[in-house]
N, C-alpha and C. Protein backbone atom coordinates (compact mmCIF):
# COMPACT_ATOMS: atom_id res chain seq x y z
N MET A 1 76.51 82.73 66.30
CA MET A 1 75.64 82.04 67.39
C MET A 1 74.42 83.01 67.54
N ASP A 2 73.17 82.49 67.59
CA ASP A 2 71.98 83.36 67.39
C ASP A 2 71.62 83.52 68.86
N VAL A 3 71.71 84.86 69.53
CA VAL A 3 71.47 85.03 70.94
C VAL A 3 70.02 84.48 71.20
N LYS A 4 69.07 84.06 70.50
CA LYS A 4 67.93 83.60 70.79
C LYS A 4 68.06 82.36 71.35
N THR A 5 69.18 81.66 70.66
CA THR A 5 69.55 80.32 71.40
C THR A 5 70.03 80.14 72.38
N VAL A 6 70.87 81.09 72.92
CA VAL A 6 71.82 81.15 74.09
C VAL A 6 70.99 81.08 75.28
N VAL A 7 71.42 80.30 76.14
CA VAL A 7 70.99 79.69 77.58
C VAL A 7 72.10 80.13 78.40
N LEU A 8 71.73 81.25 79.43
CA LEU A 8 72.88 81.30 80.51
C LEU A 8 72.17 80.79 81.77
N SER A 9 73.28 79.97 82.50
CA SER A 9 73.21 79.11 83.64
C SER A 9 74.44 78.93 84.22
N ILE A 10 74.74 79.15 85.66
CA ILE A 10 75.77 78.96 86.53
C ILE A 10 75.25 77.86 87.44
N THR A 11 76.68 76.95 87.61
CA THR A 11 76.45 75.85 88.50
C THR A 11 76.62 76.29 89.77
N LYS A 12 76.46 75.42 90.83
CA LYS A 12 76.79 75.88 92.13
C LYS A 12 78.31 75.87 92.44
N GLU A 13 79.03 74.77 91.50
CA GLU A 13 80.30 74.92 91.58
C GLU A 13 81.23 76.20 91.15
N GLN A 14 80.65 76.56 89.97
CA GLN A 14 81.12 77.82 89.43
C GLN A 14 80.79 79.20 90.62
N LEU A 15 79.64 79.18 91.12
CA LEU A 15 79.19 80.12 91.93
C LEU A 15 79.97 80.54 93.16
N ALA A 16 80.31 79.00 93.71
CA ALA A 16 81.26 79.11 94.76
C ALA A 16 82.51 79.49 94.72
N SER A 17 82.96 79.30 93.37
CA SER A 17 84.58 79.93 93.18
C SER A 17 84.83 81.57 93.05
N LEU A 18 83.37 81.98 92.92
CA LEU A 18 83.49 83.29 92.61
C LEU A 18 83.94 84.35 93.93
N PRO A 19 84.45 85.50 93.62
CA PRO A 19 84.79 86.41 95.04
C PRO A 19 83.33 86.68 95.49
N THR A 20 83.45 87.14 96.80
CA THR A 20 82.18 87.59 97.58
C THR A 20 82.05 89.06 97.21
N VAL A 21 80.78 89.40 97.06
CA VAL A 21 80.21 90.65 96.78
C VAL A 21 80.84 91.71 98.10
N THR A 22 81.49 92.72 98.05
CA THR A 22 81.57 93.72 98.97
C THR A 22 80.77 94.87 98.74
N TYR A 23 79.79 95.16 99.72
CA TYR A 23 78.74 96.12 99.75
C TYR A 23 79.39 97.63 99.76
N PRO A 24 79.25 98.57 98.57
CA PRO A 24 79.94 99.80 98.65
C PRO A 24 79.31 100.80 99.25
N GLY A 25 77.91 100.77 99.44
CA GLY A 25 76.95 102.11 99.70
C GLY A 25 76.99 102.09 101.21
N HIS A 26 75.99 103.09 101.65
CA HIS A 26 75.61 103.56 102.78
C HIS A 26 74.48 102.67 103.39
N ILE A 27 74.47 102.58 104.66
CA ILE A 27 73.17 102.05 105.45
C ILE A 27 72.68 102.83 106.32
N VAL A 28 71.50 103.26 106.38
CA VAL A 28 70.38 103.99 107.43
C VAL A 28 69.35 102.62 107.75
N VAL A 29 69.51 102.60 109.26
CA VAL A 29 68.39 101.60 109.97
C VAL A 29 67.58 102.78 110.42
N VAL A 30 66.20 102.27 110.03
CA VAL A 30 64.96 102.95 110.31
C VAL A 30 64.42 102.73 111.62
N ASN A 31 64.19 102.89 112.36
CA ASN A 31 63.82 102.29 113.71
C ASN A 31 62.37 103.24 114.40
N THR A 32 61.98 104.20 113.76
CA THR A 32 60.78 105.01 114.23
C THR A 32 60.03 105.46 113.19
N VAL A 33 58.46 105.82 113.16
CA VAL A 33 57.78 106.34 112.49
C VAL A 33 58.28 107.55 111.93
N GLU A 34 59.09 108.42 112.60
CA GLU A 34 59.52 109.86 112.32
C GLU A 34 60.72 109.66 111.21
N GLN A 35 61.53 108.47 111.58
CA GLN A 35 62.59 108.30 110.74
C GLN A 35 62.15 107.90 109.58
N ALA A 36 60.97 107.03 109.42
CA ALA A 36 60.55 106.43 108.38
C ALA A 36 60.00 107.46 107.25
N LYS A 37 59.21 108.31 108.06
CA LYS A 37 58.49 109.38 106.91
C LYS A 37 59.90 110.12 106.50
N SER A 38 60.96 110.54 107.28
CA SER A 38 61.92 111.13 106.47
C SER A 38 62.86 110.45 105.42
N ALA A 39 62.91 109.19 105.72
CA ALA A 39 63.68 108.44 104.73
C ALA A 39 63.00 108.31 103.46
N LEU A 40 61.49 108.13 103.55
CA LEU A 40 60.74 107.85 102.21
C LEU A 40 60.67 109.29 101.40
N GLU A 41 60.95 110.46 102.28
CA GLU A 41 60.89 111.69 101.47
C GLU A 41 62.39 111.85 100.61
N THR A 42 63.30 111.02 101.24
CA THR A 42 64.51 111.18 100.31
C THR A 42 64.48 110.24 99.21
N ILE A 43 63.84 108.76 99.79
CA ILE A 43 63.72 108.02 98.53
C ILE A 43 62.80 108.14 97.40
N ARG A 44 61.77 109.09 97.69
CA ARG A 44 60.96 109.71 96.49
C ARG A 44 61.57 110.46 95.45
N ARG A 45 62.70 110.97 95.95
CA ARG A 45 63.46 111.73 94.59
C ARG A 45 64.18 110.75 93.63
N TYR A 46 64.22 109.30 93.95
CA TYR A 46 64.78 108.69 92.88
C TYR A 46 63.43 107.92 92.01
N ARG A 47 63.78 107.87 90.95
CA ARG A 47 62.92 107.21 89.99
C ARG A 47 62.92 105.64 89.91
N VAL A 48 64.16 105.15 90.42
CA VAL A 48 64.14 103.63 90.39
C VAL A 48 64.76 103.26 91.75
N VAL A 49 64.18 102.30 92.46
CA VAL A 49 64.82 101.94 93.73
C VAL A 49 64.84 100.24 93.83
N GLY A 50 65.65 99.75 94.65
CA GLY A 50 65.79 98.30 94.74
C GLY A 50 64.88 98.05 95.94
N PHE A 51 64.23 96.73 96.00
CA PHE A 51 63.11 96.54 96.99
C PHE A 51 63.28 94.95 97.69
N ASP A 52 63.20 94.72 98.79
CA ASP A 52 63.32 93.46 99.52
C ASP A 52 62.57 93.42 100.89
N THR A 53 62.40 92.05 101.62
CA THR A 53 61.99 92.12 102.79
C THR A 53 62.74 91.14 103.41
N GLU A 54 62.71 90.86 104.78
CA GLU A 54 63.37 89.98 105.63
C GLU A 54 62.16 89.62 106.69
N THR A 55 62.15 88.38 106.70
CA THR A 55 61.14 87.72 107.70
C THR A 55 62.19 86.81 108.68
N LYS A 56 61.67 86.94 110.17
CA LYS A 56 62.58 86.00 111.03
C LYS A 56 61.98 84.46 110.70
N PRO A 57 63.03 83.83 110.57
CA PRO A 57 62.71 82.46 110.20
C PRO A 57 62.09 81.66 111.19
N SER A 58 61.17 80.63 110.77
CA SER A 58 60.31 79.77 111.62
C SER A 58 60.64 78.44 111.54
N PHE A 59 61.25 77.98 112.83
CA PHE A 59 61.36 76.44 112.70
C PHE A 59 60.30 75.63 113.23
N ARG A 60 59.12 76.24 113.20
CA ARG A 60 57.77 75.39 113.59
C ARG A 60 57.06 75.36 112.34
N LYS A 61 56.69 74.03 111.94
CA LYS A 61 55.98 73.38 110.72
C LYS A 61 54.58 74.08 110.83
N GLY A 62 54.30 74.78 109.75
CA GLY A 62 53.03 75.71 109.54
C GLY A 62 53.10 77.11 110.03
N HIS A 63 54.03 77.44 110.72
CA HIS A 63 54.04 78.80 111.31
C HIS A 63 55.08 79.53 110.55
N THR A 64 54.40 80.78 110.14
CA THR A 64 55.19 81.91 109.39
C THR A 64 55.20 83.14 110.24
N ASN A 65 56.46 83.90 110.45
CA ASN A 65 56.51 85.15 111.06
C ASN A 65 55.88 86.33 110.07
N GLN A 66 55.71 87.44 110.88
CA GLN A 66 55.39 88.50 110.02
C GLN A 66 56.65 89.44 109.34
N VAL A 67 56.60 90.06 108.55
CA VAL A 67 57.65 90.72 108.04
C VAL A 67 58.35 91.90 109.10
N ALA A 68 59.61 91.58 109.20
CA ALA A 68 60.39 92.04 110.01
C ALA A 68 61.01 93.83 109.43
N LEU A 69 61.51 93.33 108.27
CA LEU A 69 62.19 94.25 107.94
C LEU A 69 61.84 94.82 106.17
N ILE A 70 61.76 96.04 105.81
CA ILE A 70 61.65 96.19 104.52
C ILE A 70 62.88 97.12 103.96
N GLN A 71 63.55 96.91 102.90
CA GLN A 71 64.74 97.07 102.73
C GLN A 71 64.48 98.08 101.21
N ILE A 72 64.77 99.19 101.14
CA ILE A 72 64.60 100.29 99.95
C ILE A 72 66.08 100.66 99.60
N SER A 73 66.58 100.30 98.43
CA SER A 73 67.69 100.85 98.16
C SER A 73 67.75 101.81 97.01
N THR A 74 68.52 103.14 96.95
CA THR A 74 68.60 104.22 95.83
C THR A 74 69.78 103.78 95.18
N GLY A 75 70.68 102.81 95.38
CA GLY A 75 72.04 102.66 94.64
C GLY A 75 72.96 102.90 95.56
N ASP A 76 73.04 104.09 96.09
CA ASP A 76 74.53 104.61 96.86
C ASP A 76 73.83 104.25 98.35
N CYS A 77 72.69 104.17 98.75
CA CYS A 77 72.65 104.14 100.16
C CYS A 77 71.12 103.10 100.24
N CYS A 78 71.35 102.43 101.15
CA CYS A 78 70.00 101.20 101.68
C CYS A 78 69.38 101.71 103.03
N TYR A 79 67.95 101.69 102.76
CA TYR A 79 67.38 102.07 104.08
C TYR A 79 66.52 100.91 104.72
N LEU A 80 66.80 100.67 105.99
CA LEU A 80 66.28 99.42 106.70
C LEU A 80 65.23 99.72 107.27
N PHE A 81 64.02 99.57 106.97
CA PHE A 81 62.61 99.79 107.72
C PHE A 81 62.28 98.76 108.70
N ARG A 82 62.72 98.79 109.91
CA ARG A 82 62.47 98.10 110.88
C ARG A 82 60.91 97.97 111.48
N ILE A 83 60.20 97.54 110.72
CA ILE A 83 58.68 97.64 110.66
C ILE A 83 58.29 96.81 111.93
N ASN A 84 59.07 95.90 112.23
CA ASN A 84 58.80 95.05 113.64
C ASN A 84 58.63 95.71 114.79
N LYS A 85 59.44 96.90 114.65
CA LYS A 85 59.49 97.97 115.67
C LYS A 85 58.43 98.94 115.72
N PHE A 86 58.10 99.71 114.43
CA PHE A 86 57.04 100.68 114.53
C PHE A 86 55.98 100.61 113.59
N GLY A 87 55.62 99.11 113.07
CA GLY A 87 54.51 98.90 112.16
C GLY A 87 54.81 99.10 110.53
N PHE A 88 53.72 98.81 109.94
CA PHE A 88 53.48 99.20 108.66
C PHE A 88 52.79 100.46 108.49
N THR A 89 53.50 101.69 108.05
CA THR A 89 52.82 102.87 108.09
C THR A 89 51.98 103.10 106.78
N PRO A 90 51.19 104.18 106.85
CA PRO A 90 50.49 104.56 105.82
C PRO A 90 51.39 104.98 104.51
N GLU A 91 52.49 105.84 105.14
CA GLU A 91 53.41 106.17 104.13
C GLU A 91 54.26 105.03 103.31
N LEU A 92 54.47 104.15 104.10
CA LEU A 92 55.36 102.72 103.31
C LEU A 92 54.04 102.07 102.53
N LYS A 93 52.87 102.02 102.88
CA LYS A 93 51.87 101.61 102.18
C LYS A 93 51.63 102.44 100.78
N GLN A 94 51.83 103.78 101.03
CA GLN A 94 51.63 104.74 99.80
C GLN A 94 52.71 104.59 99.13
N PHE A 95 54.04 104.36 99.50
CA PHE A 95 55.36 104.11 98.43
C PHE A 95 54.92 102.70 97.85
N ILE A 96 54.69 101.87 98.44
CA ILE A 96 54.78 100.52 97.58
C ILE A 96 53.49 100.78 96.63
N GLU A 97 52.07 101.22 96.79
CA GLU A 97 51.17 101.46 95.62
C GLU A 97 51.44 102.73 94.59
N ASP A 98 52.59 103.60 94.86
CA ASP A 98 53.18 104.75 94.14
C ASP A 98 53.39 104.41 92.62
N ASP A 99 52.68 104.73 91.81
CA ASP A 99 52.70 104.53 90.24
C ASP A 99 54.14 105.09 89.80
N ASP A 100 54.58 106.11 90.41
CA ASP A 100 55.63 106.99 89.69
C ASP A 100 57.14 106.32 90.02
N ILE A 101 57.15 105.55 91.24
CA ILE A 101 58.71 105.02 91.35
C ILE A 101 58.65 103.74 90.97
N VAL A 102 59.37 103.30 90.27
CA VAL A 102 59.75 101.94 89.86
C VAL A 102 60.53 101.22 90.94
N LYS A 103 60.07 100.23 91.35
CA LYS A 103 60.76 99.04 92.35
C LYS A 103 60.96 97.79 91.91
N VAL A 104 62.18 97.72 92.04
CA VAL A 104 62.80 96.35 91.30
C VAL A 104 63.04 95.42 92.49
N GLY A 105 62.55 94.27 92.36
CA GLY A 105 62.81 93.30 93.25
C GLY A 105 62.95 91.70 92.63
N LEU A 106 62.97 90.70 93.46
CA LEU A 106 63.04 89.35 93.03
C LEU A 106 61.92 88.33 93.83
N SER A 107 61.44 87.76 93.11
CA SER A 107 60.21 86.49 93.52
C SER A 107 59.39 87.69 94.26
N LEU A 108 58.90 88.80 93.92
CA LEU A 108 58.04 89.65 94.37
C LEU A 108 56.81 89.24 95.14
N LYS A 109 56.36 88.00 94.41
CA LYS A 109 54.95 87.59 95.03
C LYS A 109 54.91 86.85 96.32
N ASP A 110 56.30 86.55 96.72
CA ASP A 110 56.52 86.16 98.22
C ASP A 110 56.50 87.27 98.94
N ASP A 111 57.12 88.47 98.55
CA ASP A 111 57.37 89.65 99.37
C ASP A 111 55.60 90.11 99.68
N PHE A 112 54.82 90.29 98.41
CA PHE A 112 53.38 90.71 98.48
C PHE A 112 52.89 89.88 99.43
N HIS A 113 52.89 88.66 99.44
CA HIS A 113 52.27 87.61 100.32
C HIS A 113 52.23 87.79 101.94
N VAL A 114 53.75 88.23 102.31
CA VAL A 114 53.73 88.31 103.65
C VAL A 114 53.32 89.89 104.08
N LEU A 115 53.50 90.71 103.20
CA LEU A 115 53.18 91.92 103.52
C LEU A 115 51.71 92.11 103.43
N ASN A 116 50.80 91.31 102.81
CA ASN A 116 49.45 91.35 102.70
C ASN A 116 48.81 90.77 104.29
N LYS A 117 49.83 90.10 105.01
CA LYS A 117 49.24 89.82 106.13
C LYS A 117 49.28 90.98 107.38
N LEU A 118 49.87 92.03 107.03
CA LEU A 118 50.29 93.22 107.67
C LEU A 118 49.09 94.07 107.26
N HIS A 119 48.99 94.40 106.06
CA HIS A 119 47.80 95.51 105.54
C HIS A 119 47.43 94.98 104.04
N LYS A 120 46.38 95.04 103.71
CA LYS A 120 45.76 94.83 102.40
C LYS A 120 46.73 96.17 101.43
N ILE A 121 47.38 95.46 100.50
CA ILE A 121 48.31 96.47 99.57
C ILE A 121 47.73 96.18 98.13
N SER A 122 47.79 97.19 97.17
CA SER A 122 47.85 96.97 95.80
C SER A 122 48.96 97.65 95.47
N PRO A 123 50.09 96.57 95.06
CA PRO A 123 51.67 97.16 94.64
C PRO A 123 51.38 97.60 93.07
N SER A 124 52.28 98.49 93.12
CA SER A 124 52.28 99.29 91.68
C SER A 124 53.58 99.72 91.22
N ALA A 125 53.94 99.44 90.04
CA ALA A 125 55.08 99.93 89.16
C ALA A 125 56.44 99.00 89.97
N PHE A 126 56.17 97.72 90.19
CA PHE A 126 57.06 96.83 90.48
C PHE A 126 57.78 95.99 89.34
N ILE A 127 59.17 95.72 89.22
CA ILE A 127 59.49 95.00 88.24
C ILE A 127 60.20 93.79 89.11
N ASP A 128 59.88 92.52 88.58
CA ASP A 128 60.52 91.33 89.18
C ASP A 128 61.54 90.86 88.07
N LEU A 129 62.61 90.72 88.74
CA LEU A 129 63.60 90.51 87.84
C LEU A 129 63.90 89.07 87.41
N GLN A 130 62.97 88.15 88.24
CA GLN A 130 62.94 86.84 87.65
C GLN A 130 62.23 86.91 86.28
N ASP A 131 61.31 87.73 85.97
CA ASP A 131 60.63 87.84 84.55
C ASP A 131 61.42 88.46 83.88
N MET A 132 62.10 89.70 84.13
CA MET A 132 63.21 90.54 83.27
C MET A 132 64.06 89.83 82.57
N VAL A 133 64.91 88.94 83.57
CA VAL A 133 66.35 88.09 83.05
C VAL A 133 65.99 87.38 81.80
N LYS A 134 64.73 86.87 81.76
CA LYS A 134 64.27 85.80 80.84
C LYS A 134 64.80 86.44 79.28
N ASP A 135 64.57 87.77 78.98
CA ASP A 135 64.91 88.53 78.10
C ASP A 135 66.29 88.48 77.74
N PHE A 136 66.94 88.23 78.71
CA PHE A 136 68.64 88.23 78.57
C PHE A 136 69.03 86.61 78.64
N CYS A 137 68.11 85.84 78.29
CA CYS A 137 68.78 84.60 78.17
C CYS A 137 68.94 83.95 79.37
N ILE A 138 69.05 84.45 80.37
CA ILE A 138 69.29 83.93 82.01
C ILE A 138 68.20 83.10 82.41
N ARG A 139 68.60 81.71 82.54
CA ARG A 139 67.64 80.70 83.13
C ARG A 139 67.45 80.43 84.27
N ASP A 140 68.35 80.98 85.15
CA ASP A 140 68.36 80.58 86.64
C ASP A 140 67.60 82.16 87.15
N CYS A 141 67.03 81.45 88.23
CA CYS A 141 65.79 82.24 89.10
C CYS A 141 66.30 83.05 90.28
N SER A 142 67.43 82.42 90.93
CA SER A 142 67.73 83.18 92.26
C SER A 142 68.66 84.40 92.00
N LEU A 143 68.62 85.11 93.19
CA LEU A 143 69.29 86.65 93.04
C LEU A 143 70.69 86.38 93.05
N GLN A 144 71.08 85.32 93.87
CA GLN A 144 72.80 84.87 93.96
C GLN A 144 73.31 84.56 92.73
N LYS A 145 72.33 83.52 91.97
CA LYS A 145 72.98 83.13 90.74
C LYS A 145 73.09 84.19 89.39
N ILE A 146 71.73 84.85 89.49
CA ILE A 146 71.59 86.17 88.45
C ILE A 146 72.62 87.17 88.61
N TYR A 147 73.05 87.48 89.98
CA TYR A 147 74.00 88.26 90.13
C TYR A 147 75.67 87.91 89.62
N GLY A 148 75.85 86.46 89.95
CA GLY A 148 76.89 85.85 89.56
C GLY A 148 77.07 85.90 88.04
N ILE A 149 76.21 85.39 87.38
CA ILE A 149 76.11 85.44 85.83
C ILE A 149 76.59 86.70 85.34
N ILE A 150 75.76 87.97 86.13
CA ILE A 150 76.20 89.25 85.10
C ILE A 150 77.39 89.72 85.81
N PHE A 151 77.71 89.68 87.09
CA PHE A 151 78.93 90.33 87.56
C PHE A 151 80.14 89.44 88.09
N ASN A 152 79.73 88.26 88.03
CA ASN A 152 81.09 87.46 88.28
C ASN A 152 81.58 87.70 89.70
N GLU A 153 80.48 87.70 90.72
CA GLU A 153 80.80 87.72 91.99
C GLU A 153 79.80 87.01 92.83
N ARG A 154 79.99 86.72 94.03
CA ARG A 154 78.95 85.88 94.85
C ARG A 154 78.39 86.69 96.02
N ILE A 155 77.31 86.73 96.17
CA ILE A 155 76.54 87.17 97.25
C ILE A 155 76.41 86.25 98.32
N SER A 156 77.00 86.49 99.43
CA SER A 156 76.87 85.78 100.75
C SER A 156 75.56 85.44 101.35
N LYS A 157 75.14 84.29 101.60
CA LYS A 157 73.71 83.94 102.14
C LYS A 157 73.91 83.72 103.78
N SER A 158 74.94 84.00 104.39
CA SER A 158 75.34 83.56 105.61
C SER A 158 74.31 84.07 106.67
N GLN A 159 73.54 85.52 106.62
CA GLN A 159 72.89 85.80 107.52
C GLN A 159 71.34 85.61 107.34
N ARG A 160 70.97 84.87 106.18
CA ARG A 160 69.70 84.43 105.71
C ARG A 160 68.73 84.20 106.76
N LEU A 161 69.23 83.13 107.47
CA LEU A 161 68.36 82.53 108.56
C LEU A 161 68.46 82.99 110.06
N SER A 162 69.28 84.47 109.93
CA SER A 162 69.25 85.06 111.52
C SER A 162 68.23 85.70 111.77
N ASN A 163 68.11 86.41 113.14
CA ASN A 163 66.81 86.86 113.76
C ASN A 163 66.64 88.12 113.36
N TRP A 164 65.74 88.46 112.53
CA TRP A 164 65.49 90.04 111.94
C TRP A 164 64.72 90.48 113.20
N GLU A 165 64.24 89.94 113.97
CA GLU A 165 63.53 90.62 115.04
C GLU A 165 64.17 91.05 116.28
N ALA A 166 65.50 90.77 116.13
CA ALA A 166 66.54 91.06 116.95
C ALA A 166 66.37 92.64 117.73
N SER A 167 66.75 92.87 118.91
CA SER A 167 66.59 94.29 119.51
C SER A 167 67.50 95.13 118.60
N LEU A 168 68.77 94.81 118.07
CA LEU A 168 69.59 95.30 117.23
C LEU A 168 70.11 94.53 116.15
N LEU A 169 70.11 95.15 114.96
CA LEU A 169 70.66 94.26 113.88
C LEU A 169 72.10 94.32 113.83
N THR A 170 72.85 93.22 113.69
CA THR A 170 74.48 93.46 113.52
C THR A 170 74.97 93.91 112.14
N THR A 171 76.14 94.17 112.35
CA THR A 171 76.68 94.52 111.31
C THR A 171 76.27 93.73 109.82
N PRO A 172 76.70 92.45 110.09
CA PRO A 172 76.60 91.58 109.36
C PRO A 172 75.23 91.43 108.56
N GLN A 173 74.08 91.50 109.51
CA GLN A 173 72.75 91.57 109.02
C GLN A 173 72.56 92.62 108.46
N GLN A 174 73.10 93.71 108.79
CA GLN A 174 72.51 95.11 107.83
C GLN A 174 73.17 95.22 106.44
N ILE A 175 74.53 94.45 106.25
CA ILE A 175 74.94 94.40 105.30
C ILE A 175 74.52 93.40 104.33
N TYR A 176 74.10 92.31 104.90
CA TYR A 176 73.41 91.11 104.00
C TYR A 176 72.18 91.70 103.63
N ALA A 177 71.33 92.55 104.20
CA ALA A 177 69.84 92.81 104.03
C ALA A 177 70.08 94.08 102.95
N SER A 178 71.11 94.91 102.99
CA SER A 178 71.37 95.98 102.15
C SER A 178 71.88 95.51 100.74
N ILE A 179 72.57 94.54 100.85
CA ILE A 179 73.22 93.98 99.33
C ILE A 179 71.80 93.38 98.48
N ASP A 180 71.12 92.44 99.36
CA ASP A 180 69.93 91.95 98.47
C ASP A 180 69.21 93.34 97.67
N ALA A 181 68.76 94.39 98.39
CA ALA A 181 67.92 95.40 97.53
C ALA A 181 68.91 96.11 96.56
N TRP A 182 70.17 96.15 96.88
CA TRP A 182 71.09 96.83 96.08
C TRP A 182 71.31 96.48 95.05
N ALA A 183 71.79 94.89 95.10
CA ALA A 183 71.95 94.20 93.82
C ALA A 183 70.80 94.12 93.06
N CYS A 184 69.57 94.18 93.39
CA CYS A 184 68.41 94.50 92.53
C CYS A 184 68.36 95.40 91.45
N ILE A 185 68.77 96.64 92.13
CA ILE A 185 68.64 97.88 91.40
C ILE A 185 70.02 97.78 90.50
N LYS A 186 71.15 97.31 90.97
CA LYS A 186 72.31 97.14 90.22
C LYS A 186 71.91 96.37 88.85
N ILE A 187 71.35 95.22 89.00
CA ILE A 187 71.04 94.14 88.07
C ILE A 187 69.93 95.16 87.04
N TYR A 188 69.20 95.76 87.50
CA TYR A 188 68.43 96.58 86.54
C TYR A 188 68.89 97.41 85.76
N ASN A 189 69.97 98.24 86.58
CA ASN A 189 70.47 99.39 85.74
C ASN A 189 71.20 98.93 84.65
N TYR A 190 72.05 97.87 84.98
CA TYR A 190 73.00 97.19 83.86
C TYR A 190 72.46 96.56 82.85
N LEU A 191 71.28 95.73 83.12
CA LEU A 191 70.51 95.36 81.84
C LEU A 191 70.00 96.03 81.11
N THR A 192 69.18 97.18 82.05
CA THR A 192 68.81 98.48 80.52
C THR A 192 69.54 99.41 80.04
N SER A 193 70.86 99.25 80.57
CA SER A 193 71.92 100.24 79.85
C SER A 193 72.61 99.84 78.37
N GLY A 194 72.19 98.54 78.04
CA GLY A 194 72.49 97.89 76.97
C GLY A 194 73.70 97.31 76.81
N ASP A 195 74.78 97.37 77.98
CA ASP A 195 76.16 96.75 78.08
C ASP A 195 75.88 95.27 78.18
N PHE A 196 75.05 94.60 78.46
CA PHE A 196 74.95 93.17 78.65
C PHE A 196 74.90 92.37 77.27
N ASN A 197 75.62 91.71 77.10
CA ASN A 197 75.60 90.68 75.87
C ASN A 197 75.44 89.36 76.17
N PRO A 198 74.28 88.52 76.16
CA PRO A 198 74.46 87.30 76.52
C PRO A 198 75.43 86.41 75.71
N GLU A 199 75.91 86.67 74.67
CA GLU A 199 76.67 85.87 73.67
C GLU A 199 78.04 86.03 74.25
N ASP A 200 78.41 86.97 74.97
CA ASP A 200 79.88 87.37 75.78
C ASP A 200 79.89 86.44 76.82
N SER A 201 78.75 85.97 77.59
CA SER A 201 78.81 85.37 78.91
C SER A 201 79.90 84.16 78.87
N ASP A 202 80.16 83.89 80.17
CA ASP A 202 80.97 82.72 80.34
C ASP A 202 80.05 81.81 81.02
N TYR A 203 78.82 81.87 80.95
CA TYR A 203 77.99 80.88 81.33
C TYR A 203 76.96 80.36 80.45
N ILE A 204 77.41 80.24 79.02
CA ILE A 204 76.53 79.77 78.00
C ILE A 204 76.25 78.33 78.54
N TYR A 205 75.23 78.11 78.59
CA TYR A 205 74.84 76.51 78.85
C TYR A 205 74.58 75.72 77.64
N THR A 206 75.26 74.52 77.62
CA THR A 206 75.17 73.77 76.43
C THR A 206 74.40 72.25 77.00
N PRO A 207 73.21 72.23 76.69
CA PRO A 207 72.70 70.74 77.03
C PRO A 207 72.90 69.79 76.27
N VAL A 208 72.72 68.44 77.16
CA VAL A 208 73.26 67.21 76.53
C VAL A 208 72.04 66.81 75.70
N PRO A 209 72.52 66.40 74.63
CA PRO A 209 71.66 66.24 73.57
C PRO A 209 70.52 65.03 74.08
N GLU A 210 69.38 64.95 73.76
CA GLU A 210 68.51 63.68 74.22
C GLU A 210 68.56 62.64 73.32
N ASP A 211 68.33 61.44 74.07
CA ASP A 211 68.39 60.08 73.44
C ASP A 211 66.90 60.02 73.02
N ASN A 212 66.68 60.34 71.79
CA ASN A 212 65.20 60.08 71.08
C ASN A 212 64.94 58.67 71.18
N HIS A 213 65.73 57.72 71.32
CA HIS A 213 65.44 56.48 71.11
C HIS A 213 65.21 55.57 72.48
N SER A 214 65.35 56.37 73.43
CA SER A 214 65.16 56.11 74.89
C SER A 214 63.70 55.92 75.49
N GLU A 215 63.32 55.05 76.11
CA GLU A 215 61.98 54.99 76.23
C GLU A 215 61.61 55.47 77.66
């Protein structure tokens, strides 16, 4: 089989049958400017990190809330920056614009759009997995499906619509937010390791031949 002709895609049914991911790392909730400065000093020791944001869902048409949380994962630890509490600091802006640290995320244009409402930013050294996985024959675009194809596990989305501006984040919220950023760096590291071969995947998609005679 020519690897260039392989297309990988997972169905909702296949995804639902997979075991749920268990987050293996540490979590640090960052609530103040001082904690944010300290956390970023640690994060800057890493060459590649995972990146994500969370925004309190709005159920009013035409209304969007501001970003409440920025998640940055080093792989073994995820830092949850509660910027709804202490603001979007100059240090966070500098980190986002830093050329020397690779930040891996998914659908990053959405993150940048909401962050730009807080402060004008010029993101640098970001890698969007939606673009990256195309080189590995993966057609699906959601983090849940990409992770399922590569690791045969399912990321739970049960906390997605929870209140990210709550006075305290619940343990399920913390785990959910951490998994999203951690999964990004885990996917990136595995794909760049050279160990992933699309031809060996259980999710090779076989399209139904088109009827050329139909109108």
